Amino acid sequence: MRAAVHDGNLDACVEHDINFHQGILKASQNDVLVRVWDTLAFDLRIRAVIGKISSEMREVVESHQPIVEALHKGRGREAGFC
């Protein structure tokens, strides 16, 4: 997990965290806790995906900025070439 954190690999961090805690719960042999954890693990995976998408969203917005500026200035033809 340290390597994943150092590399900024959010996917690997989440998978490690899920597997680590799931192993502890399975060792406890408490079926209720295992089922609750499975539900929470799904939530963690979803949050990781959302975090990944939102971090890349800035790049997408920036890449569209020339088009937005051209449209704002009334240069639709130029926007089509961006």
PDB file of N, CA and C in Angstrom:
ATOM      1  N   MET A   1       0.827  -1.182   0.000  1.00  0.00           N
ATOM      2  CA  MET A   1       0.000   0.000   0.000  1.00  0.00           C
ATOM      3  C   MET A   1       0.877   1.254   0.000  1.00  0.00           C
ATOM      4  N   ARG A   2       2.006   1.192   0.673  1.00  0.00           N
ATOM      5  CA  ARG A   2       2.892   2.354   0.683  1.00  0.00           C
ATOM      6  C   ARG A   2       3.329   2.737  -0.719  1.00  0.00           C
ATOM      7  N   ALA A   3       3.649   1.738  -1.531  1.00  0.00           N
ATOM      8  CA  ALA A   3       4.069   2.016  -2.911  1.00  0.00           C
ATOM      9  C   ALA A   3       2.933   2.654  -3.700  1.00  0.00           C
ATOM     10  N   ALA A   4       1.712   2.173  -3.487  1.00  0.00           N
ATOM     11  CA  ALA A   4       0.562   2.734  -4.185  1.00  0.00           C
ATOM     12  C   ALA A   4       0.328   4.189  -3.781  1.00  0.00           C
ATOM     13  N   VAL A   5       0.471   4.469  -2.497  1.00  0.00           N
ATOM     14  CA  VAL A   5       0.317   5.847  -2.022  1.00  0.00           C
ATOM     15  C   VAL A   5       1.415   6.722  -2.598  1.00  0.00           C
ATOM     16  N   HIS A   6       2.644   6.221  -2.569  1.00  0.00           N
ATOM     17  CA  HIS A   6       3.778   6.985  -3.097  1.00  0.00           C
ATOM     18  C   HIS A   6       3.589   7.304  -4.571  1.00  0.00           C
ATOM     19  N   ASP A   7       3.055   6.351  -5.326  1.00  0.00           N
ATOM     20  CA  ASP A   7       2.841   6.534  -6.763  1.00  0.00           C
ATOM     21  C   ASP A   7       1.554   7.291  -7.072  1.00  0.00           C
ATOM     22  N   GLY A   8       0.736   7.523  -6.049  1.00  0.00           N
ATOM     23  CA  GLY A   8      -0.543   8.195  -6.277  1.00  0.00           C
ATOM     24  C   GLY A   8      -1.555   7.311  -6.972  1.00  0.00           C
ATOM     25  N   ASN A   9      -1.407   5.995  -6.815  1.00  0.00           N
ATOM     26  CA  ASN A   9      -2.293   5.043  -7.469  1.00  0.00           C
ATOM     27  C   ASN A   9      -3.503   4.783  -6.572  1.00  0.00           C
ATOM     28  N   LEU A  10      -4.543   5.588  -6.777  1.00  0.00           N
ATOM     29  CA  LEU A  10      -5.741   5.505  -5.946  1.00  0.00           C
ATOM     30  C   LEU A  10      -6.422   4.147  -6.065  1.00  0.00           C
ATOM     31  N   ASP A  11      -6.448   3.588  -7.249  1.00  0.00           N
ATOM     32  CA  ASP A  11      -7.090   2.283  -7.445  1.00  0.00           C
ATOM     33  C   ASP A  11      -6.422   1.209  -6.582  1.00  0.00           C
ATOM     34  N   ALA A  12      -5.099   1.177  -6.593  1.00  0.00           N
ATOM     35  CA  ALA A  12      -4.374   0.178  -5.809  1.00  0.00           C
ATOM     36  C   ALA A  12      -4.563   0.402  -4.318  1.00  0.00           C
ATOM     37  N   CYS A  13      -4.598   1.664  -3.900  1.00  0.00           N
ATOM     38  CA  CYS A  13      -4.821   1.975  -2.473  1.00  0.00           C
ATOM     39  C   CYS A  13      -6.170   1.446  -2.003  1.00  0.00           C
ATOM     40  N   VAL A  14      -7.183   1.704  -2.781  1.00  0.00           N
ATOM     41  CA  VAL A  14      -8.534   1.271  -2.407  1.00  0.00           C
ATOM     42  C   VAL A  14      -8.622  -0.246  -2.379  1.00  0.00           C
ATOM     43  N   GLU A  15      -8.085  -0.904  -3.383  1.00  0.00           N
ATOM     44  CA  GLU A  15      -8.137  -2.369  -3.417  1.00  0.00           C
ATOM     45  C   GLU A  15      -7.406  -2.967  -2.231  1.00  0.00           C
ATOM     46  N   HIS A  16      -6.243  -2.425  -1.906  1.00  0.00           N
ATOM     47  CA  HIS A  16      -5.494  -2.923  -0.761  1.00  0.00           C
ATOM     48  C   HIS A  16      -6.287  -2.726   0.526  1.00  0.00           C
ATOM     49  N   ASP A  17      -6.858  -1.549   0.687  1.00  0.00           N
ATOM     50  CA  ASP A  17      -7.635  -1.245   1.894  1.00  0.00           C
ATOM     51  C   ASP A  17      -8.824  -2.189   2.035  1.00  0.00           C
ATOM     52  N   ILE A  18      -9.507  -2.413   0.954  1.00  0.00           N
ATOM     53  CA  ILE A  18     -10.671  -3.309   0.969  1.00  0.00           C
ATOM     54  C   ILE A  18     -10.248  -4.731   1.323  1.00  0.00           C
ATOM     55  N   ASN A  19      -9.219  -5.218   0.662  1.00  0.00           N
ATOM     56  CA  ASN A  19      -8.763  -6.586   0.918  1.00  0.00           C
ATOM     57  C   ASN A  19      -8.250  -6.765   2.341  1.00  0.00           C
ATOM     58  N   PHE A  20      -7.544  -5.766   2.845  1.00  0.00           N
ATOM     59  CA  PHE A  20      -7.009  -5.819   4.202  1.00  0.00           C
ATOM     60  C   PHE A  20      -8.132  -5.952   5.234  1.00  0.00           C
ATOM     61  N   HIS A  21      -9.094  -5.071   5.136  1.00  0.00           N
ATOM     62  CA  HIS A  21     -10.191  -5.091   6.113  1.00  0.00           C
ATOM     63  C   HIS A  21     -11.110  -6.306   5.924  1.00  0.00           C
ATOM     64  N   GLN A  22     -11.290  -6.704   4.705  1.00  0.00           N
ATOM     65  CA  GLN A  22     -12.119  -7.883   4.454  1.00  0.00           C
ATOM     66  C   GLN A  22     -11.475  -9.128   5.064  1.00  0.00           C
ATOM     67  N   GLY A  23     -10.162  -9.230   4.981  1.00  0.00           N
ATOM     68  CA  GLY A  23      -9.447 -10.359   5.588  1.00  0.00           C
ATOM     69  C   GLY A  23      -9.621 -10.387   7.093  1.00  0.00           C
ATOM     70  N   ILE A  24      -9.567  -9.234   7.724  1.00  0.00           N
ATOM     71  CA  ILE A  24      -9.777  -9.153   9.174  1.00  0.00           C
ATOM     72  C   ILE A  24     -11.188  -9.602   9.536  1.00  0.00           C
ATOM     73  N   LEU A  25     -12.156  -9.136   8.774  1.00  0.00           N
ATOM     74  CA  LEU A  25     -13.545  -9.501   9.083  1.00  0.00           C
ATOM     75  C   LEU A  25     -13.814 -10.984   8.855  1.00  0.00           C
ATOM     76  N   LYS A  26     -13.256 -11.531   7.795  1.00  0.00           N
ATOM     77  CA  LYS A  26     -13.446 -12.968   7.555  1.00  0.00           C
ATOM     78  C   LYS A  26     -12.822 -13.790   8.675  1.00  0.00           C
ATOM     79  N   ALA A  27     -11.684 -13.340   9.183  1.00  0.00           N
ATOM     80  CA  ALA A  27     -11.039 -14.045  10.289  1.00  0.00           C
ATOM     81  C   ALA A  27     -11.901 -14.010  11.552  1.00  0.00           C
ATOM     82  N   SER A  28     -12.708 -12.970  11.679  1.00  0.00           N
ATOM     83  CA  SER A  28     -13.586 -12.866  12.858  1.00  0.00           C
ATOM     84  C   SER A  28     -14.741 -13.865  12.784  1.00  0.00           C
ATOM     85  N   GLN A  29     -15.013 -14.385  11.599  1.00  0.00           N
ATOM     86  CA  GLN A  29     -16.104 -15.336  11.354  1.00  0.00           C
ATOM     87  C   GLN A  29     -17.465 -14.773  11.750  1.00  0.00           C
ATOM     88  N   ASN A  30     -17.618 -13.475  11.630  1.00  0.00           N
ATOM     89  CA  ASN A  30     -18.883 -12.813  11.921  1.00  0.00           C
ATOM     90  C   ASN A  30     -19.551 -12.481  10.586  1.00  0.00           C
ATOM     91  N   ASP A  31     -20.539 -13.304  10.200  1.00  0.00           N
ATOM     92  CA  ASP A  31     -21.179 -13.168   8.892  1.00  0.00           C
ATOM     93  C   ASP A  31     -21.863 -11.814   8.708  1.00  0.00           C
ATOM     94  N   VAL A  32     -22.439 -11.283   9.760  1.00  0.00           N
ATOM     95  CA  VAL A  32     -23.122  -9.987   9.651  1.00  0.00           C
ATOM     96  C   VAL A  32     -22.110  -8.900   9.306  1.00  0.00           C
ATOM     97  N   LEU A  33     -20.984  -8.881  10.005  1.00  0.00           N
ATOM     98  CA  LEU A  33     -19.960  -7.887   9.720  1.00  0.00           C
ATOM     99  C   LEU A  33     -19.392  -8.048   8.310  1.00  0.00           C
ATOM    100  N   VAL A  34     -19.215  -9.273   7.875  1.00  0.00           N
ATOM    101  CA  VAL A  34     -18.699  -9.512   6.524  1.00  0.00           C
ATOM    102  C   VAL A  34     -19.670  -8.957   5.490  1.00  0.00           C
ATOM    103  N   ARG A  35     -20.974  -9.177   5.669  1.00  0.00           N
ATOM    104  CA  ARG A  35     -21.969  -8.646   4.732  1.00  0.00           C
ATOM    105  C   ARG A  35     -21.998  -7.123   4.750  1.00  0.00           C
ATOM    106  N   VAL A  36     -21.894  -6.541   5.921  1.00  0.00           N
ATOM    107  CA  VAL A  36     -21.859  -5.074   6.015  1.00  0.00           C
ATOM    108  C   VAL A  36     -20.615  -4.548   5.301  1.00  0.00           C
ATOM    109  N   TRP A  37     -19.488  -5.197   5.546  1.00  0.00           N
ATOM    110  CA  TRP A  37     -18.258  -4.749   4.897  1.00  0.00           C
ATOM    111  C   TRP A  37     -18.343  -4.858   3.382  1.00  0.00           C
ATOM    112  N   ASP A  38     -18.944  -5.928   2.879  1.00  0.00           N
ATOM    113  CA  ASP A  38     -19.089  -6.073   1.428  1.00  0.00           C
ATOM    114  C   ASP A  38     -19.858  -4.896   0.839  1.00  0.00           C
ATOM    115  N   THR A  39     -20.876  -4.450   1.551  1.00  0.00           N
ATOM    116  CA  THR A  39     -21.645  -3.288   1.106  1.00  0.00           C
ATOM    117  C   THR A  39     -20.779  -2.032   1.142  1.00  0.00           C
ATOM    118  N   LEU A  40     -20.035  -1.852   2.221  1.00  0.00           N
ATOM    119  CA  LEU A  40     -19.162  -0.685   2.333  1.00  0.00           C
ATOM    120  C   LEU A  40     -18.038  -0.724   1.308  1.00  0.00           C
ATOM    121  N   ALA A  41     -17.542  -1.911   1.015  1.00  0.00           N
ATOM    122  CA  ALA A  41     -16.470  -2.046   0.027  1.00  0.00           C
ATOM    123  C   ALA A  41     -16.942  -1.570  -1.339  1.00  0.00           C
ATOM    124  N   PHE A  42     -18.167  -1.886  -1.676  1.00  0.00           N
ATOM    125  CA  PHE A  42     -18.742  -1.416  -2.939  1.00  0.00           C
ATOM    126  C   PHE A  42     -18.769   0.113  -2.947  1.00  0.00           C
ATOM    127  N   ASP A  43     -19.195   0.686  -1.824  1.00  0.00           N
ATOM    128  CA  ASP A  43     -19.240   2.143  -1.703  1.00  0.00           C
ATOM    129  C   ASP A  43     -17.844   2.752  -1.865  1.00  0.00           C
ATOM    130  N   LEU A  44     -16.833   2.134  -1.273  1.00  0.00           N
ATOM    131  CA  LEU A  44     -15.465   2.640  -1.404  1.00  0.00           C
ATOM    132  C   LEU A  44     -14.989   2.613  -2.855  1.00  0.00           C
ATOM    133  N   ARG A  45     -15.337   1.549  -3.554  1.00  0.00           N
ATOM    134  CA  ARG A  45     -14.932   1.454  -4.958  1.00  0.00           C
ATOM    135  C   ARG A  45     -15.598   2.546  -5.788  1.00  0.00           C
ATOM    136  N   ILE A  46     -16.869   2.796  -5.519  1.00  0.00           N
ATOM    137  CA  ILE A  46     -17.589   3.849  -6.239  1.00  0.00           C
ATOM    138  C   ILE A  46     -16.961   5.207  -5.942  1.00  0.00           C
ATOM    139  N   ARG A  47     -16.659   5.467  -4.677  1.00  0.00           N
ATOM    140  CA  ARG A  47     -16.044   6.749  -4.311  1.00  0.00           C
ATOM    141  C   ARG A  47     -14.681   6.919  -4.971  1.00  0.00           C
ATOM    142  N   ALA A  48     -13.934   5.844  -5.096  1.00  0.00           N
ATOM    143  CA  ALA A  48     -12.624   5.916  -5.746  1.00  0.00           C
ATOM    144  C   ALA A  48     -12.775   6.282  -7.214  1.00  0.00           C
ATOM    145  N   VAL A  49     -13.757   5.695  -7.866  1.00  0.00           N
ATOM    146  CA  VAL A  49     -13.994   6.004  -9.286  1.00  0.00           C
ATOM    147  C   VAL A  49     -14.404   7.460  -9.439  1.00  0.00           C
ATOM    148  N   ILE A  50     -15.283   7.925  -8.571  1.00  0.00           N
ATOM    149  CA  ILE A  50     -15.720   9.320  -8.634  1.00  0.00           C
ATOM    150  C   ILE A  50     -14.527  10.250  -8.408  1.00  0.00           C
ATOM    151  N   GLY A  51     -13.680   9.915  -7.444  1.00  0.00           N
ATOM    152  CA  GLY A  51     -12.493  10.728  -7.204  1.00  0.00           C
ATOM    153  C   GLY A  51     -11.575  10.779  -8.403  1.00  0.00           C
ATOM    154  N   LYS A  52     -11.425   9.662  -9.065  1.00  0.00           N
ATOM    155  CA  LYS A  52     -10.562   9.594 -10.240  1.00  0.00           C
ATOM    156  C   LYS A  52     -11.132  10.434 -11.381  1.00  0.00           C
ATOM    157  N   ILE A  53     -12.437  10.310 -11.587  1.00  0.00           N
ATOM    158  CA  ILE A  53     -13.086  11.070 -12.653  1.00  0.00           C
ATOM    159  C   ILE A  53     -13.012  12.564 -12.363  1.00  0.00           C
ATOM    160  N   SER A  54     -13.283  12.942 -11.122  1.00  0.00           N
ATOM    161  CA  SER A  54     -13.289  14.367 -10.798  1.00  0.00           C
ATOM    162  C   SER A  54     -11.898  14.975 -10.908  1.00  0.00           C
ATOM    163  N   SER A  55     -10.858  14.198 -10.629  1.00  0.00           N
ATOM    164  CA  SER A  55      -9.503  14.738 -10.771  1.00  0.00           C
ATOM    165  C   SER A  55      -9.141  14.947 -12.234  1.00  0.00           C
ATOM    166  N   GLU A  56      -9.700  14.149 -13.126  1.00  0.00           N
ATOM    167  CA  GLU A  56      -9.433  14.290 -14.554  1.00  0.00           C
ATOM    168  C   GLU A  56     -10.351  15.315 -15.206  1.00  0.00           C
ATOM    169  N   MET A  57     -11.412  15.710 -14.495  1.00  0.00           N
ATOM    170  CA  MET A  57     -12.376  16.642 -15.056  1.00  0.00           C
ATOM    171  C   MET A  57     -11.732  17.998 -15.355  1.00  0.00           C
ATOM    172  N   ARG A  58     -10.795  18.425 -14.524  1.00  0.00           N
ATOM    173  CA  ARG A  58     -10.128  19.708 -14.741  1.00  0.00           C
ATOM    174  C   ARG A  58      -9.442  19.734 -16.101  1.00  0.00           C
ATOM    175  N   GLU A  59      -8.797  18.631 -16.467  1.00  0.00           N
ATOM    176  CA  GLU A  59      -8.124  18.554 -17.763  1.00  0.00           C
ATOM    177  C   GLU A  59      -9.123  18.660 -18.910  1.00  0.00           C
ATOM    178  N   VAL A  60     -10.264  18.009 -18.747  1.00  0.00           N
ATOM    179  CA  VAL A  60     -11.295  18.057 -19.787  1.00  0.00           C
ATOM    180  C   VAL A  60     -11.811  19.480 -19.948  1.00  0.00           C
ATOM    181  N   VAL A  61     -12.089  20.138 -18.831  1.00  0.00           N
ATOM    182  CA  VAL A  61     -12.594  21.511 -18.880  1.00  0.00           C
ATOM    183  C   VAL A  61     -11.570  22.428 -19.546  1.00  0.00           C
ATOM    184  N   GLU A  62     -10.315  22.292 -19.159  1.00  0.00           N
ATOM    185  CA  GLU A  62      -9.263  23.128 -19.735  1.00  0.00           C
ATOM    186  C   GLU A  62      -9.117  22.889 -21.238  1.00  0.00           C
ATOM    187  N   SER A  63      -9.268  21.654 -21.667  1.00  0.00           N
ATOM    188  CA  SER A  63      -9.109  21.354 -23.091  1.00  0.00           C
ATOM    189  C   SER A  63     -10.225  21.971 -23.932  1.00  0.00           C
ATOM    190  N   HIS A  64     -11.374  22.247 -23.311  1.00  0.00           N
ATOM    191  CA  HIS A  64     -12.497  22.847 -24.037  1.00  0.00           C
ATOM    192  C   HIS A  64     -12.500  24.381 -23.953  1.00  0.00           C
ATOM    193  N   GLN A  65     -11.592  24.936 -23.184  1.00  0.00           N
ATOM    194  CA  GLN A  65     -11.587  26.384 -22.969  1.00  0.00           C
ATOM    195  C   GLN A  65     -11.443  27.191 -24.263  1.00  0.00           C
ATOM    196  N   PRO A  66     -10.587  26.807 -25.214  1.00  0.00           N
ATOM    197  CA  PRO A  66     -10.511  27.578 -26.464  1.00  0.00           C
ATOM    198  C   PRO A  66     -11.837  27.616 -27.223  1.00  0.00           C
ATOM    199  N   ILE A  67     -12.583  26.535 -27.174  1.00  0.00           N
ATOM    200  CA  ILE A  67     -13.887  26.493 -27.843  1.00  0.00           C
ATOM    201  C   ILE A  67     -14.847  27.441 -27.150  1.00  0.00           C
ATOM    202  N   VAL A  68     -14.872  27.385 -25.828  1.00  0.00           N
ATOM    203  CA  VAL A  68     -15.763  28.259 -25.053  1.00  0.00           C
ATOM    204  C   VAL A  68     -15.441  29.722 -25.323  1.00  0.00           C
ATOM    205  N   GLU A  69     -14.167  30.060 -25.333  1.00  0.00           N
ATOM    206  CA  GLU A  69     -13.766  31.454 -25.574  1.00  0.00           C
ATOM    207  C   GLU A  69     -14.154  31.911 -26.975  1.00  0.00           C
ATOM    208  N   ALA A  70     -13.941  31.056 -27.971  1.00  0.00           N
ATOM    209  CA  ALA A  70     -14.315  31.414 -29.341  1.00  0.00           C
ATOM    210  C   ALA A  70     -15.820  31.625 -29.452  1.00  0.00           C
ATOM    211  N   LEU A  71     -16.610  30.763 -28.844  1.00  0.00           N
ATOM    212  CA  LEU A  71     -18.067  30.926 -28.882  1.00  0.00           C
ATOM    213  C   LEU A  71     -18.493  32.184 -28.143  1.00  0.00           C
ATOM    214  N   HIS A  72     -17.866  32.455 -27.026  1.00  0.00           N
ATOM    215  CA  HIS A  72     -18.187  33.639 -26.237  1.00  0.00           C
ATOM    216  C   HIS A  72     -17.917  34.924 -27.033  1.00  0.00           C
ATOM    217  N   LYS A  73     -16.904  34.888 -27.874  1.00  0.00           N
ATOM    218  CA  LYS A  73     -16.544  36.062 -28.680  1.00  0.00           C
ATOM    219  C   LYS A  73     -17.275  36.093 -30.012  1.00  0.00           C
ATOM    220  N   GLY A  74     -18.222  35.140 -30.204  1.00  0.00           N
ATOM    221  CA  GLY A  74     -19.012  35.136 -31.423  1.00  0.00           C
ATOM    222  C   GLY A  74     -18.292  34.578 -32.635  1.00  0.00           C
ATOM    223  N   ARG A  75     -17.268  33.793 -32.418  1.00  0.00           N
ATOM    224  CA  ARG A  75     -16.494  33.222 -33.533  1.00  0.00           C
ATOM    225  C   ARG A  75     -16.781  31.716 -33.619  1.00  0.00           C
ATOM    226  N   GLY A  76     -17.988  31.385 -34.022  1.00  0.00           N
ATOM    227  CA  GLY A  76     -18.439  30.009 -34.092  1.00  0.00           C
ATOM    228  C   GLY A  76     -17.614  29.156 -35.035  1.00  0.00           C
ATOM    229  N   ARG A  77     -17.236  29.741 -36.169  1.00  0.00           N
ATOM    230  CA  ARG A  77     -16.439  28.990 -37.150  1.00  0.00           C
ATOM    231  C   ARG A  77     -15.091  28.595 -36.533  1.00  0.00           C
ATOM    232  N   GLU A  78     -14.474  29.530 -35.824  1.00  0.00           N
ATOM    233  CA  GLU A  78     -13.201  29.237 -35.167  1.00  0.00           C
ATOM    234  C   GLU A  78     -13.373  28.153 -34.103  1.00  0.00           C
ATOM    235  N   ALA A  79     -14.488  28.209 -33.391  1.00  0.00           N
ATOM    236  CA  ALA A  79     -14.771  27.209 -32.362  1.00  0.00           C
ATOM    237  C   ALA A  79     -14.869  25.819 -32.982  1.00  0.00           C
ATOM    238  N   GLY A  80     -15.382  25.741 -34.197  1.00  0.00           N
ATOM    239  CA  GLY A  80     -15.508  24.462 -34.884  1.00  0.00           C
ATOM    240  C   GLY A  80     -14.169  23.841 -35.235  1.00  0.00           C
ATOM    241  N   PHE A  81     -13.145  24.650 -35.339  1.00  0.00           N
ATOM    242  CA  PHE A  81     -11.811  24.153 -35.689  1.00  0.00           C
ATOM    243  C   PHE A  81     -10.958  23.819 -34.472  1.00  0.00           C
ATOM    244  N   CYS A  82     -11.424  24.197 -33.301  1.00  0.00           N
ATOM    245  CA  CYS A  82     -10.627  23.951 -32.080  1.00  0.00           C
ATOM    246  C   CYS A  82     -10.630  22.505 -31.685  1.00  0.00           C
TER     247      CYS A  82
END
